[in-house]
Amino acid sequence: MKPWSSSTRILLAMVAAAALSLQALPVGATVSSQSKIARVMILEGDVGIVELEATATQASCSNPQYSSDGRQWTFLVSTAHGKAILNALLTAHVTRANVVIVGTGACSIGLAREDVSQAHVFSP
């Protein structure tokens, strides 16, 4: 049997870490279905946006008109948490792995999109 590539090992490590980090969801938080990432955007002010291919129901603070019908979530790339989320999302996007986004139930970053609490990456 052929050994796993380094990118596969990294991806599996991220999946294991995500599985260990499961916590009770905040009130009003939403969870996407497994989906591929359509795009990742970094905007002025260190705001990151992830857009999934699948539509999801988001927190009541999210506006479907601005969140591409519930396919977009926001995070700050200037924090350690945001950098970890960005790393996981870019890896998933490049490898075409499915992800599940867990929201916070709030839209504190603004832009009428729910904030990301967790990003779970699955084997491609």
PDB file of N, CA and C in Angstrom:
ATOM      1  N   MET A   1       0.836  -1.181   0.000  1.00  0.00           N
ATOM      2  CA  MET A   1       0.000   0.000   0.000  1.00  0.00           C
ATOM      3  C   MET A   1       0.879   1.241   0.000  1.00  0.00           C
ATOM      4  N   LYS A   2       0.510   2.223  -0.783  1.00  0.00           N
ATOM      5  CA  LYS A   2       1.263   3.463  -0.919  1.00  0.00           C
ATOM      6  C   LYS A   2       1.072   4.340   0.328  1.00  0.00           C
ATOM      7  N   PRO A   3       2.142   4.946   0.877  1.00  0.00           N
ATOM      8  CA  PRO A   3       1.993   5.811   2.065  1.00  0.00           C
ATOM      9  C   PRO A   3       1.208   7.079   1.718  1.00  0.00           C
ATOM     10  N   TRP A   4       0.550   7.634   2.731  1.00  0.00           N
ATOM     11  CA  TRP A   4      -0.224   8.852   2.535  1.00  0.00           C
ATOM     12  C   TRP A   4       0.707  10.021   2.251  1.00  0.00           C
ATOM     13  N   SER A   5       0.239  10.934   1.421  1.00  0.00           N
ATOM     14  CA  SER A   5       1.015  12.139   1.122  1.00  0.00           C
ATOM     15  C   SER A   5       1.003  13.052   2.346  1.00  0.00           C
ATOM     16  N   SER A   6       1.903  14.016   2.366  1.00  0.00           N
ATOM     17  CA  SER A   6       1.957  14.937   3.513  1.00  0.00           C
ATOM     18  C   SER A   6       0.689  15.768   3.603  1.00  0.00           C
ATOM     19  N   SER A   7       0.099  16.154   2.462  1.00  0.00           N
ATOM     20  CA  SER A   7      -1.136  16.943   2.511  1.00  0.00           C
ATOM     21  C   SER A   7      -2.284  16.112   3.074  1.00  0.00           C
ATOM     22  N   THR A   8      -2.329  14.822   2.770  1.00  0.00           N
ATOM     23  CA  THR A   8      -3.362  13.953   3.330  1.00  0.00           C
ATOM     24  C   THR A   8      -3.172  13.810   4.831  1.00  0.00           C
ATOM     25  N   ARG A   9      -1.927  13.654   5.292  1.00  0.00           N
ATOM     26  CA  ARG A   9      -1.662  13.539   6.728  1.00  0.00           C
ATOM     27  C   ARG A   9      -2.059  14.816   7.457  1.00  0.00           C
ATOM     28  N   ILE A  10      -1.769  15.968   6.864  1.00  0.00           N
ATOM     29  CA  ILE A  10      -2.147  17.247   7.475  1.00  0.00           C
ATOM     30  C   ILE A  10      -3.660  17.354   7.571  1.00  0.00           C
ATOM     31  N   LEU A  11      -4.335  16.996   6.493  1.00  0.00           N
ATOM     32  CA  LEU A  11      -5.790  17.060   6.466  1.00  0.00           C
ATOM     33  C   LEU A  11      -6.398  16.141   7.519  1.00  0.00           C
ATOM     34  N   LEU A  12      -5.879  14.937   7.650  1.00  0.00           N
ATOM     35  CA  LEU A  12      -6.379  14.002   8.663  1.00  0.00           C
ATOM     36  C   LEU A  12      -6.136  14.526  10.072  1.00  0.00           C
ATOM     37  N   ALA A  13      -5.010  15.167  10.288  1.00  0.00           N
ATOM     38  CA  ALA A  13      -4.718  15.754  11.601  1.00  0.00           C
ATOM     39  C   ALA A  13      -5.708  16.869  11.925  1.00  0.00           C
ATOM     40  N   MET A  14      -6.049  17.681  10.916  1.00  0.00           N
ATOM     41  CA  MET A  14      -7.019  18.760  11.128  1.00  0.00           C
ATOM     42  C   MET A  14      -8.402  18.193  11.428  1.00  0.00           C
ATOM     43  N   VAL A  15      -8.781  17.123  10.745  1.00  0.00           N
ATOM     44  CA  VAL A  15     -10.074  16.491  11.001  1.00  0.00           C
ATOM     45  C   VAL A  15     -10.119  15.952  12.425  1.00  0.00           C
ATOM     46  N   ALA A  16      -9.049  15.306  12.852  1.00  0.00           N
ATOM     47  CA  ALA A  16      -8.993  14.770  14.210  1.00  0.00           C
ATOM     48  C   ALA A  16      -9.086  15.895  15.242  1.00  0.00           C
ATOM     49  N   ALA A  17      -8.370  16.974  14.998  1.00  0.00           N
ATOM     50  CA  ALA A  17      -8.419  18.115  15.923  1.00  0.00           C
ATOM     51  C   ALA A  17      -9.813  18.722  15.968  1.00  0.00           C
ATOM     52  N   ALA A  18     -10.464  18.819  14.814  1.00  0.00           N
ATOM     53  CA  ALA A  18     -11.821  19.372  14.765  1.00  0.00           C
ATOM     54  C   ALA A  18     -12.784  18.473  15.525  1.00  0.00           C
ATOM     55  N   ALA A  19     -12.642  17.175  15.369  1.00  0.00           N
ATOM     56  CA  ALA A  19     -13.534  16.243  16.061  1.00  0.00           C
ATOM     57  C   ALA A  19     -13.369  16.356  17.572  1.00  0.00           C
ATOM     58  N   LEU A  20     -12.158  16.591  18.033  1.00  0.00           N
ATOM     59  CA  LEU A  20     -11.915  16.728  19.468  1.00  0.00           C
ATOM     60  C   LEU A  20     -12.431  18.044  20.027  1.00  0.00           C
ATOM     61  N   SER A  21     -12.617  19.043  19.154  1.00  0.00           N
ATOM     62  CA  SER A  21     -13.009  20.370  19.621  1.00  0.00           C
ATOM     63  C   SER A  21     -14.514  20.587  19.636  1.00  0.00           C
ATOM     64  N   LEU A  22     -15.299  19.555  19.330  1.00  0.00           N
ATOM     65  CA  LEU A  22     -16.749  19.730  19.314  1.00  0.00           C
ATOM     66  C   LEU A  22     -17.242  20.178  20.682  1.00  0.00           C
ATOM     67  N   GLN A  23     -18.057  21.208  20.683  1.00  0.00           N
ATOM     68  CA  GLN A  23     -18.590  21.760  21.913  1.00  0.00           C
ATOM     69  C   GLN A  23     -20.077  21.986  21.723  1.00  0.00           C
ATOM     70  N   ALA A  24     -20.761  22.292  22.817  1.00  0.00           N
ATOM     71  CA  ALA A  24     -22.165  22.658  22.712  1.00  0.00           C
ATOM     72  C   ALA A  24     -22.267  23.951  21.904  1.00  0.00           C
ATOM     73  N   LEU A  25     -23.253  24.016  21.044  1.00  0.00           N
ATOM     74  CA  LEU A  25     -23.413  25.200  20.194  1.00  0.00           C
ATOM     75  C   LEU A  25     -24.025  26.346  20.980  1.00  0.00           C
ATOM     76  N   PRO A  26     -23.572  27.574  20.700  1.00  0.00           N
ATOM     77  CA  PRO A  26     -24.210  28.735  21.313  1.00  0.00           C
ATOM     78  C   PRO A  26     -25.668  28.840  20.851  1.00  0.00           C
ATOM     79  N   VAL A  27     -26.498  29.487  21.630  1.00  0.00           N
ATOM     80  CA  VAL A  27     -27.898  29.683  21.277  1.00  0.00           C
ATOM     81  C   VAL A  27     -27.982  30.430  19.950  1.00  0.00           C
ATOM     82  N   GLY A  28     -28.768  29.923  19.036  1.00  0.00           N
ATOM     83  CA  GLY A  28     -28.960  30.573  17.741  1.00  0.00           C
ATOM     84  C   GLY A  28     -27.904  30.240  16.714  1.00  0.00           C
ATOM     85  N   ALA A  29     -26.886  29.466  17.093  1.00  0.00           N
ATOM     86  CA  ALA A  29     -25.822  29.114  16.141  1.00  0.00           C
ATOM     87  C   ALA A  29     -26.348  28.124  15.120  1.00  0.00           C
ATOM     88  N   THR A  30     -25.783  28.175  13.938  1.00  0.00           N
ATOM     89  CA  THR A  30     -26.195  27.263  12.877  1.00  0.00           C
ATOM     90  C   THR A  30     -25.019  26.410  12.433  1.00  0.00           C
ATOM     91  N   VAL A  31     -25.345  25.288  11.798  1.00  0.00           N
ATOM     92  CA  VAL A  31     -24.339  24.369  11.285  1.00  0.00           C
ATOM     93  C   VAL A  31     -24.682  24.100   9.826  1.00  0.00           C
ATOM     94  N   SER A  32     -23.715  24.251   8.954  1.00  0.00           N
ATOM     95  CA  SER A  32     -23.949  23.983   7.537  1.00  0.00           C
ATOM     96  C   SER A  32     -23.972  22.486   7.292  1.00  0.00           C
ATOM     97  N   SER A  33     -24.475  22.099   6.141  1.00  0.00           N
ATOM     98  CA  SER A  33     -24.331  20.708   5.720  1.00  0.00           C
ATOM     99  C   SER A  33     -22.926  20.568   5.123  1.00  0.00           C
ATOM    100  N   GLN A  34     -22.473  19.334   4.925  1.00  0.00           N
ATOM    101  CA  GLN A  34     -21.165  19.145   4.292  1.00  0.00           C
ATOM    102  C   GLN A  34     -21.224  19.716   2.884  1.00  0.00           C
ATOM    103  N   SER A  35     -20.232  20.516   2.551  1.00  0.00           N
ATOM    104  CA  SER A  35     -20.210  21.173   1.249  1.00  0.00           C
ATOM    105  C   SER A  35     -18.776  21.494   0.858  1.00  0.00           C
ATOM    106  N   LYS A  36     -18.563  21.664  -0.401  1.00  0.00           N
ATOM    107  CA  LYS A  36     -17.281  22.151  -0.896  1.00  0.00           C
ATOM    108  C   LYS A  36     -17.279  23.675  -0.780  1.00  0.00           C
ATOM    109  N   ILE A  37     -16.083  24.251  -0.744  1.00  0.00           N
ATOM    110  CA  ILE A  37     -15.947  25.703  -0.655  1.00  0.00           C
ATOM    111  C   ILE A  37     -15.988  26.292  -2.068  1.00  0.00           C
ATOM    112  N   ALA A  38     -16.849  27.272  -2.258  1.00  0.00           N
ATOM    113  CA  ALA A  38     -16.931  27.960  -3.541  1.00  0.00           C
ATOM    114  C   ALA A  38     -15.817  28.998  -3.649  1.00  0.00           C
ATOM    115  N   ARG A  39     -15.580  29.746  -2.565  1.00  0.00           N
ATOM    116  CA  ARG A  39     -14.497  30.736  -2.556  1.00  0.00           C
ATOM    117  C   ARG A  39     -14.214  31.219  -1.147  1.00  0.00           C
ATOM    118  N   VAL A  40     -12.993  31.718  -0.979  1.00  0.00           N
ATOM    119  CA  VAL A  40     -12.562  32.347   0.269  1.00  0.00           C
ATOM    120  C   VAL A  40     -12.098  33.749  -0.097  1.00  0.00           C
ATOM    121  N   MET A  41     -12.604  34.744   0.618  1.00  0.00           N
ATOM    122  CA  MET A  41     -12.253  36.138   0.332  1.00  0.00           C
ATOM    123  C   MET A  41     -11.645  36.785   1.571  1.00  0.00           C
ATOM    124  N   ILE A  42     -10.657  37.632   1.366  1.00  0.00           N
ATOM    125  CA  ILE A  42     -10.087  38.438   2.443  1.00  0.00           C
ATOM    126  C   ILE A  42     -10.356  39.892   2.069  1.00  0.00           C
ATOM    127  N   LEU A  43     -11.053  40.598   2.939  1.00  0.00           N
ATOM    128  CA  LEU A  43     -11.432  41.977   2.676  1.00  0.00           C
ATOM    129  C   LEU A  43     -10.606  42.931   3.528  1.00  0.00           C
ATOM    130  N   GLU A  44     -10.721  44.196   3.212  1.00  0.00           N
ATOM    131  CA  GLU A  44     -10.074  45.227   4.005  1.00  0.00           C
ATOM    132  C   GLU A  44     -10.560  45.126   5.444  1.00  0.00           C
ATOM    133  N   GLY A  45      -9.711  45.401   6.395  1.00  0.00           N
ATOM    134  CA  GLY A  45     -10.088  45.327   7.800  1.00  0.00           C
ATOM    135  C   GLY A  45      -9.935  43.931   8.382  1.00  0.00           C
ATOM    136  N   ASP A  46      -9.155  43.078   7.696  1.00  0.00           N
ATOM    137  CA  ASP A  46      -8.865  41.722   8.183  1.00  0.00           C
ATOM    138  C   ASP A  46     -10.091  40.824   8.288  1.00  0.00           C
ATOM    139  N   VAL A  47     -11.103  41.097   7.477  1.00  0.00           N
ATOM    140  CA  VAL A  47     -12.305  40.271   7.480  1.00  0.00           C
ATOM    141  C   VAL A  47     -12.176  39.202   6.401  1.00  0.00           C
ATOM    142  N   GLY A  48     -12.391  37.961   6.810  1.00  0.00           N
ATOM    143  CA  GLY A  48     -12.421  36.855   5.869  1.00  0.00           C
ATOM    144  C   GLY A  48     -13.851  36.409   5.661  1.00  0.00           C
ATOM    145  N   ILE A  49     -14.163  35.997   4.455  1.00  0.00           N
ATOM    146  CA  ILE A  49     -15.483  35.449   4.139  1.00  0.00           C
ATOM    147  C   ILE A  49     -15.272  34.114   3.459  1.00  0.00           C
ATOM    148  N   VAL A  50     -15.991  33.106   3.919  1.00  0.00           N
ATOM    149  CA  VAL A  50     -15.982  31.813   3.249  1.00  0.00           C
ATOM    150  C   VAL A  50     -17.372  31.613   2.652  1.00  0.00           C
ATOM    151  N   GLU A  51     -17.390  31.155   1.408  1.00  0.00           N
ATOM    152  CA  GLU A  51     -18.649  30.871   0.725  1.00  0.00           C
ATOM    153  C   GLU A  51     -18.672  29.398   0.341  1.00  0.00           C
ATOM    154  N   LEU A  52     -19.718  28.704   0.763  1.00  0.00           N
ATOM    155  CA  LEU A  52     -19.877  27.297   0.442  1.00  0.00           C
ATOM    156  C   LEU A  52     -20.722  27.130  -0.818  1.00  0.00           C
ATOM    157  N   GLU A  53     -20.644  25.962  -1.423  1.00  0.00           N
ATOM    158  CA  GLU A  53     -21.471  25.682  -2.599  1.00  0.00           C
ATOM    159  C   GLU A  53     -22.914  25.418  -2.199  1.00  0.00           C
ATOM    160  N   ALA A  54     -23.143  24.868  -0.998  1.00  0.00           N
ATOM    161  CA  ALA A  54     -24.494  24.531  -0.535  1.00  0.00           C
ATOM    162  C   ALA A  54     -25.085  25.674   0.286  1.00  0.00           C
ATOM    163  N   THR A  55     -26.377  25.878   0.154  1.00  0.00           N
ATOM    164  CA  THR A  55     -27.093  26.888   0.920  1.00  0.00           C
ATOM    165  C   THR A  55     -27.393  26.351   2.316  1.00  0.00           C
ATOM    166  N   ALA A  56     -27.352  27.233   3.314  1.00  0.00           N
ATOM    167  CA  ALA A  56     -27.651  26.840   4.691  1.00  0.00           C
ATOM    168  C   ALA A  56     -28.527  27.900   5.341  1.00  0.00           C
ATOM    169  N   THR A  57     -29.255  27.500   6.361  1.00  0.00           N
ATOM    170  CA  THR A  57     -30.017  28.453   7.161  1.00  0.00           C
ATOM    171  C   THR A  57     -29.058  29.033   8.187  1.00  0.00           C
ATOM    172  N   GLN A  58     -29.028  30.350   8.295  1.00  0.00           N
ATOM    173  CA  GLN A  58     -28.098  30.992   9.226  1.00  0.00           C
ATOM    174  C   GLN A  58     -28.839  31.710  10.337  1.00  0.00           C
ATOM    175  N   ALA A  59     -28.070  32.249  11.263  1.00  0.00           N
ATOM    176  CA  ALA A  59     -28.617  32.984  12.404  1.00  0.00           C
ATOM    177  C   ALA A  59     -29.528  34.104  11.919  1.00  0.00           C
ATOM    178  N   SER A  60     -30.438  34.515  12.793  1.00  0.00           N
ATOM    179  CA  SER A  60     -31.416  35.529  12.415  1.00  0.00           C
ATOM    180  C   SER A  60     -30.770  36.869  12.076  1.00  0.00           C
ATOM    181  N   CYS A  61     -29.549  37.114  12.553  1.00  0.00           N
ATOM    182  CA  CYS A  61     -28.877  38.377  12.253  1.00  0.00           C
ATOM    183  C   CYS A  61     -28.340  38.412  10.821  1.00  0.00           C
ATOM    184  N   SER A  62     -28.259  37.254  10.181  1.00  0.00           N
ATOM    185  CA  SER A  62     -27.720  37.161   8.825  1.00  0.00           C
ATOM    186  C   SER A  62     -28.787  37.551   7.811  1.00  0.00           C
ATOM    187  N   ASN A  63     -28.388  38.315   6.817  1.00  0.00           N
ATOM    188  CA  ASN A  63     -29.306  38.749   5.761  1.00  0.00           C
ATOM    189  C   ASN A  63     -29.032  37.922   4.507  1.00  0.00           C
ATOM    190  N   PRO A  64     -29.998  37.084   4.065  1.00  0.00           N
ATOM    191  CA  PRO A  64     -29.785  36.234   2.892  1.00  0.00           C
ATOM    192  C   PRO A  64     -29.370  37.008   1.640  1.00  0.00           C
ATOM    193  N   GLN A  65     -29.814  38.248   1.538  1.00  0.00           N
ATOM    194  CA  GLN A  65     -29.462  39.071   0.375  1.00  0.00           C
ATOM    195  C   GLN A  65     -27.952  39.319   0.313  1.00  0.00           C
ATOM    196  N   TYR A  66     -27.313  39.466   1.471  1.00  0.00           N
ATOM    197  CA  TYR A  66     -25.884  39.753   1.520  1.00  0.00           C
ATOM    198  C   TYR A  66     -25.023  38.510   1.742  1.00  0.00           C
ATOM    199  N   SER A  67     -25.625  37.446   2.268  1.00  0.00           N
ATOM    200  CA  SER A  67     -24.842  36.245   2.566  1.00  0.00           C
ATOM    201  C   SER A  67     -24.989  35.185   1.479  1.00  0.00           C
ATOM    202  N   SER A  68     -25.374  35.596   0.267  1.00  0.00           N
ATOM    203  CA  SER A  68     -25.563  34.671  -0.856  1.00  0.00           C
ATOM    204  C   SER A  68     -26.477  33.521  -0.460  1.00  0.00           C
ATOM    205  N   ASP A  69     -27.655  33.881   0.056  1.00  0.00           N
ATOM    206  CA  ASP A  69     -28.654  32.896   0.477  1.00  0.00           C
ATOM    207  C   ASP A  69     -28.117  31.928   1.519  1.00  0.00           C
ATOM    208  N   GLY A  70     -27.365  32.424   2.466  1.00  0.00           N
ATOM    209  CA  GLY A  70     -26.888  31.597   3.571  1.00  0.00           C
ATOM    210  C   GLY A  70     -25.665  30.773   3.256  1.00  0.00           C
ATOM    211  N   ARG A  71     -24.925  31.126   2.222  1.00  0.00           N
ATOM    212  CA  ARG A  71     -23.727  30.360   1.862  1.00  0.00           C
ATOM    213  C   ARG A  71     -22.447  31.003   2.360  1.00  0.00           C
ATOM    214  N   GLN A  72     -22.518  32.200   2.961  1.00  0.00           N
ATOM    215  CA  GLN A  72     -21.309  32.916   3.388  1.00  0.00           C
ATOM    216  C   GLN A  72     -21.289  33.137   4.897  1.00  0.00           C
ATOM    217  N   TRP A  73     -20.084  33.000   5.466  1.00  0.00           N
ATOM    218  CA  TRP A  73     -19.831  33.272   6.882  1.00  0.00           C
ATOM    219  C   TRP A  73     -18.602  34.167   6.967  1.00  0.00           C
ATOM    220  N   THR A  74     -18.462  34.909   8.075  1.00  0.00           N
ATOM    221  CA  THR A  74     -17.315  35.799   8.261  1.00  0.00           C
ATOM    222  C   THR A  74     -16.438  35.347   9.424  1.00  0.00           C
ATOM    223  N   PHE A  75     -15.172  35.773   9.363  1.00  0.00           N
ATOM    224  CA  PHE A  75     -14.220  35.537  10.455  1.00  0.00           C
ATOM    225  C   PHE A  75     -13.134  36.590  10.335  1.00  0.00           C
ATOM    226  N   LEU A  76     -12.394  36.834  11.434  1.00  0.00           N
ATOM    227  CA  LEU A  76     -11.300  37.800  11.419  1.00  0.00           C
ATOM    228  C   LEU A  76      -9.984  37.066  11.199  1.00  0.00           C
ATOM    229  N   VAL A  77      -9.247  37.453  10.185  1.00  0.00           N
ATOM    230  CA  VAL A  77      -7.979  36.775   9.892  1.00  0.00           C
ATOM    231  C   VAL A  77      -6.830  37.304  10.748  1.00  0.00           C
ATOM    232  N   SER A  78      -7.081  38.351  11.534  1.00  0.00           N
ATOM    233  CA  SER A  78      -6.020  38.936  12.360  1.00  0.00           C
ATOM    234  C   SER A  78      -5.868  38.245  13.718  1.00  0.00           C
ATOM    235  N   THR A  79      -6.771  37.319  14.042  1.00  0.00           N
ATOM    236  CA  THR A  79      -6.681  36.609  15.324  1.00  0.00           C
ATOM    237  C   THR A  79      -6.080  35.216  15.108  1.00  0.00           C
ATOM    238  N   ALA A  80      -5.583  34.618  16.180  1.00  0.00           N
ATOM    239  CA  ALA A  80      -5.043  33.259  16.073  1.00  0.00           C
ATOM    240  C   ALA A  80      -6.137  32.286  15.626  1.00  0.00           C
ATOM    241  N   HIS A  81      -7.330  32.451  16.169  1.00  0.00           N
ATOM    242  CA  HIS A  81      -8.465  31.603  15.782  1.00  0.00           C
ATOM    243  C   HIS A  81      -8.795  31.782  14.304  1.00  0.00           C
ATOM    244  N   GLY A  82      -8.833  33.024  13.854  1.00  0.00           N
ATOM    245  CA  GLY A  82      -9.134  33.305  12.453  1.00  0.00           C
ATOM    246  C   GLY A  82      -8.074  32.774  11.502  1.00  0.00           C
ATOM    247  N   LYS A  83      -6.811  32.843  11.913  1.00  0.00           N
ATOM    248  CA  LYS A  83      -5.729  32.302  11.083  1.00  0.00           C
ATOM    249  C   LYS A  83      -5.843  30.786  10.964  1.00  0.00           C
ATOM    250  N   ALA A  84      -6.221  30.128  12.063  1.00  0.00           N
ATOM    251  CA  ALA A  84      -6.404  28.671  12.024  1.00  0.00           C
ATOM    252  C   ALA A  84      -7.580  28.308  11.110  1.00  0.00           C
ATOM    253  N   ILE A  85      -8.658  29.071  11.200  1.00  0.00           N
ATOM    254  CA  ILE A  85      -9.810  28.840  10.324  1.00  0.00           C
ATOM    255  C   ILE A  85      -9.410  29.051   8.867  1.00  0.00           C
ATOM    256  N   LEU A  86      -8.693  30.141   8.574  1.00  0.00           N
ATOM    257  CA  LEU A  86      -8.254  30.417   7.206  1.00  0.00           C
ATOM    258  C   LEU A  86      -7.384  29.283   6.680  1.00  0.00           C
ATOM    259  N   ASN A  87      -6.465  28.796   7.487  1.00  0.00           N
ATOM    260  CA  ASN A  87      -5.587  27.699   7.077  1.00  0.00           C
ATOM    261  C   ASN A  87      -6.400  26.453   6.729  1.00  0.00           C
ATOM    262  N   ALA A  88      -7.352  26.096   7.591  1.00  0.00           N
ATOM    263  CA  ALA A  88      -8.190  24.923   7.345  1.00  0.00           C
ATOM    264  C   ALA A  88      -9.032  25.100   6.090  1.00  0.00           C
ATOM    265  N   LEU A  89      -9.600  26.303   5.913  1.00  0.00           N
ATOM    266  CA  LEU A  89     -10.455  26.552   4.750  1.00  0.00           C
ATOM    267  C   LEU A  89      -9.666  26.524   3.446  1.00  0.00           C
ATOM    268  N   LEU A  90      -8.482  27.112   3.445  1.00  0.00           N
ATOM    269  CA  LEU A  90      -7.670  27.102   2.217  1.00  0.00           C
ATOM    270  C   LEU A  90      -7.225  25.689   1.865  1.00  0.00           C
ATOM    271  N   THR A  91      -6.867  24.902   2.883  1.00  0.00           N
ATOM    272  CA  THR A  91      -6.501  23.510   2.634  1.00  0.00           C
ATOM    273  C   THR A  91      -7.680  22.751   2.042  1.00  0.00           C
ATOM    274  N   ALA A  92      -8.852  22.946   2.624  1.00  0.00           N
ATOM    275  CA  ALA A  92     -10.053  22.268   2.113  1.00  0.00           C
ATOM    276  C   ALA A  92     -10.379  22.717   0.691  1.00  0.00           C
ATOM    277  N   HIS A  93     -10.208  23.996   0.420  1.00  0.00           N
ATOM    278  CA  HIS A  93     -10.522  24.525  -0.911  1.00  0.00           C
ATOM    279  C   HIS A  93      -9.577  23.945  -1.966  1.00  0.00           C
ATOM    280  N   VAL A  94      -8.300  23.910  -1.664  1.00  0.00           N
ATOM    281  CA  VAL A  94      -7.304  23.399  -2.612  1.00  0.00           C
ATOM    282  C   VAL A  94      -7.482  21.899  -2.859  1.00  0.00           C
ATOM    283  N   THR A  95      -7.807  21.146  -1.817  1.00  0.00           N
ATOM    284  CA  THR A  95      -7.947  19.694  -1.951  1.00  0.00           C
ATOM    285  C   THR A  95      -9.367  19.277  -2.346  1.00  0.00           C
ATOM    286  N   ARG A  96     -10.289  20.256  -2.433  1.00  0.00           N
ATOM    287  CA  ARG A  96     -11.699  20.004  -2.762  1.00  0.00           C
ATOM    288  C   ARG A  96     -12.357  19.087  -1.724  1.00  0.00           C
ATOM    289  N   ALA A  97     -11.955  19.254  -0.474  1.00  0.00           N
ATOM    290  CA  ALA A  97     -12.546  18.483   0.623  1.00  0.00           C
ATOM    291  C   ALA A  97     -13.848  19.151   1.055  1.00  0.00           C
ATOM    292  N   ASN A  98     -14.751  18.349   1.592  1.00  0.00           N
ATOM    293  CA  ASN A  98     -15.976  18.896   2.154  1.00  0.00           C
ATOM    294  C   ASN A  98     -15.684  19.532   3.505  1.00  0.00           C
ATOM    295  N   VAL A  99     -16.437  20.570   3.831  1.00  0.00           N
ATOM    296  CA  VAL A  99     -16.331  21.230   5.127  1.00  0.00           C
ATOM    297  C   VAL A  99     -17.717  21.360   5.744  1.00  0.00           C
ATOM    298  N   VAL A 100     -17.726  21.533   7.044  1.00  0.00           N
ATOM    299  CA  VAL A 100     -18.923  21.921   7.772  1.00  0.00           C
ATOM    300  C   VAL A 100     -18.541  23.166   8.557  1.00  0.00           C
ATOM    301  N   ILE A 101     -19.319  24.215   8.408  1.00  0.00           N
ATOM    302  CA  ILE A 101     -19.091  25.459   9.132  1.00  0.00           C
ATOM    303  C   ILE A 101     -20.078  25.518  10.294  1.00  0.00           C
ATOM    304  N   VAL A 102     -19.562  25.822  11.465  1.00  0.00           N
ATOM    305  CA  VAL A 102     -20.392  26.013  12.661  1.00  0.00           C
ATOM    306  C   VAL A 102     -20.345  27.501  12.984  1.00  0.00           C
ATOM    307  N   GLY A 103     -21.505  28.110  13.053  1.00  0.00           N
ATOM    308  CA  GLY A 103     -21.575  29.534  13.342  1.00  0.00           C
ATOM    309  C   GLY A 103     -21.618  29.827  14.832  1.00  0.00           C
ATOM    310  N   THR A 104     -21.549  31.105  15.152  1.00  0.00           N
ATOM    311  CA  THR A 104     -21.614  31.546  16.554  1.00  0.00           C
ATOM    312  C   THR A 104     -23.021  31.943  16.970  1.00  0.00           C
ATOM    313  N   GLY A 105     -23.899  32.129  15.987  1.00  0.00           N
ATOM    314  CA  GLY A 105     -25.233  32.634  16.289  1.00  0.00           C
ATOM    315  C   GLY A 105     -25.277  34.146  16.304  1.00  0.00           C
ATOM    316  N   ALA A 106     -24.127  34.795  16.016  1.00  0.00           N
ATOM    317  CA  ALA A 106     -24.043  36.257  16.025  1.00  0.00           C
ATOM    318  C   ALA A 106     -23.398  36.748  14.732  1.00  0.00           C
ATOM    319  N   CYS A 107     -23.628  38.007  14.458  1.00  0.00           N
ATOM    320  CA  CYS A 107     -23.023  38.653  13.290  1.00  0.00           C
ATOM    321  C   CYS A 107     -22.194  39.835  13.779  1.00  0.00           C
ATOM    322  N   SER A 108     -21.298  39.596  14.728  1.00  0.00           N
ATOM    323  CA  SER A 108     -20.557  40.674  15.381  1.00  0.00           C
ATOM    324  C   SER A 108     -19.502  41.309  14.481  1.00  0.00           C
ATOM    325  N   ILE A 109     -19.024  40.587  13.472  1.00  0.00           N
ATOM    326  CA  ILE A 109     -18.020  41.157  12.566  1.00  0.00           C
ATOM    327  C   ILE A 109     -18.681  42.125  11.597  1.00  0.00           C
ATOM    328  N   GLY A 110     -19.965  41.943  11.391  1.00  0.00           N
ATOM    329  CA  GLY A 110     -20.706  42.811  10.488  1.00  0.00           C
ATOM    330  C   GLY A 110     -20.932  42.148   9.143  1.00  0.00           C
ATOM    331  N   LEU A 111     -21.253  42.936   8.157  1.00  0.00           N
ATOM    332  CA  LEU A 111     -21.486  42.482   6.791  1.00  0.00           C
ATOM    333  C   LEU A 111     -22.690  41.559   6.670  1.00  0.00           C
ATOM    334  N   ALA A 112     -23.579  41.534   7.680  1.00  0.00           N
ATOM    335  CA  ALA A 112     -24.837  40.779   7.652  1.00  0.00           C
ATOM    336  C   ALA A 112     -24.630  39.290   7.386  1.00  0.00           C
ATOM    337  N   ARG A 113     -23.530  38.737   7.919  1.00  0.00           N
ATOM    338  CA  ARG A 113     -23.241  37.311   7.792  1.00  0.00           C
ATOM    339  C   ARG A 113     -22.896  36.766   9.167  1.00  0.00           C
ATOM    340  N   GLU A 114     -23.264  35.517   9.417  1.00  0.00           N
ATOM    341  CA  GLU A 114     -22.958  34.890  10.704  1.00  0.00           C
ATOM    342  C   GLU A 114     -21.455  34.660  10.841  1.00  0.00           C
ATOM    343  N   ASP A 115     -20.944  34.835  12.050  1.00  0.00           N
ATOM    344  CA  ASP A 115     -19.521  34.624  12.322  1.00  0.00           C
ATOM    345  C   ASP A 115     -19.220  33.128  12.427  1.00  0.00           C
ATOM    346  N   VAL A 116     -18.013  32.731  12.027  1.00  0.00           N
ATOM    347  CA  VAL A 116     -17.580  31.341  12.108  1.00  0.00           C
ATOM    348  C   VAL A 116     -17.077  31.048  13.524  1.00  0.00           C
ATOM    349  N   SER A 117     -17.565  29.972  14.094  1.00  0.00           N
ATOM    350  CA  SER A 117     -17.042  29.479  15.360  1.00  0.00           C
ATOM    351  C   SER A 117     -16.061  28.344  15.108  1.00  0.00           C
ATOM    352  N   GLN A 118     -16.448  27.414  14.222  1.00  0.00           N
ATOM    353  CA  GLN A 118     -15.615  26.244  13.912  1.00  0.00           C
ATOM    354  C   GLN A 118     -15.706  25.931  12.417  1.00  0.00           C
ATOM    355  N   ALA A 119     -14.626  25.370  11.901  1.00  0.00           N
ATOM    356  CA  ALA A 119     -14.610  24.868  10.518  1.00  0.00           C
ATOM    357  C   ALA A 119     -14.091  23.427  10.578  1.00  0.00           C
ATOM    358  N   HIS A 120     -14.920  22.495  10.152  1.00  0.00           N
ATOM    359  CA  HIS A 120     -14.556  21.074  10.173  1.00  0.00           C
ATOM    360  C   HIS A 120     -14.272  20.617   8.746  1.00  0.00           C
ATOM    361  N   VAL A 121     -13.094  20.063   8.519  1.00  0.00           N
ATOM    362  CA  VAL A 121     -12.667  19.616   7.201  1.00  0.00           C
ATOM    363  C   VAL A 121     -12.712  18.088   7.167  1.00  0.00           C
ATOM    364  N   PHE A 122     -13.280  17.541   6.100  1.00  0.00           N
ATOM    365  CA  PHE A 122     -13.411  16.090   5.952  1.00  0.00           C
ATOM    366  C   PHE A 122     -12.499  15.585   4.850  1.00  0.00           C
ATOM    367  N   SER A 123     -12.167  14.332   4.895  1.00  0.00           N
ATOM    368  CA  SER A 123     -11.305  13.725   3.875  1.00  0.00           C
ATOM    369  C   SER A 123     -11.897  13.923   2.491  1.00  0.00           C
ATOM    370  N   PRO A 124     -11.044  14.308   1.534  1.00  0.00           N
ATOM    371  CA  PRO A 124     -11.560  14.493   0.165  1.00  0.00           C
ATOM    372  C   PRO A 124     -11.895  13.158  -0.471  1.00  0.00           C
TER     373      PRO A 124
END
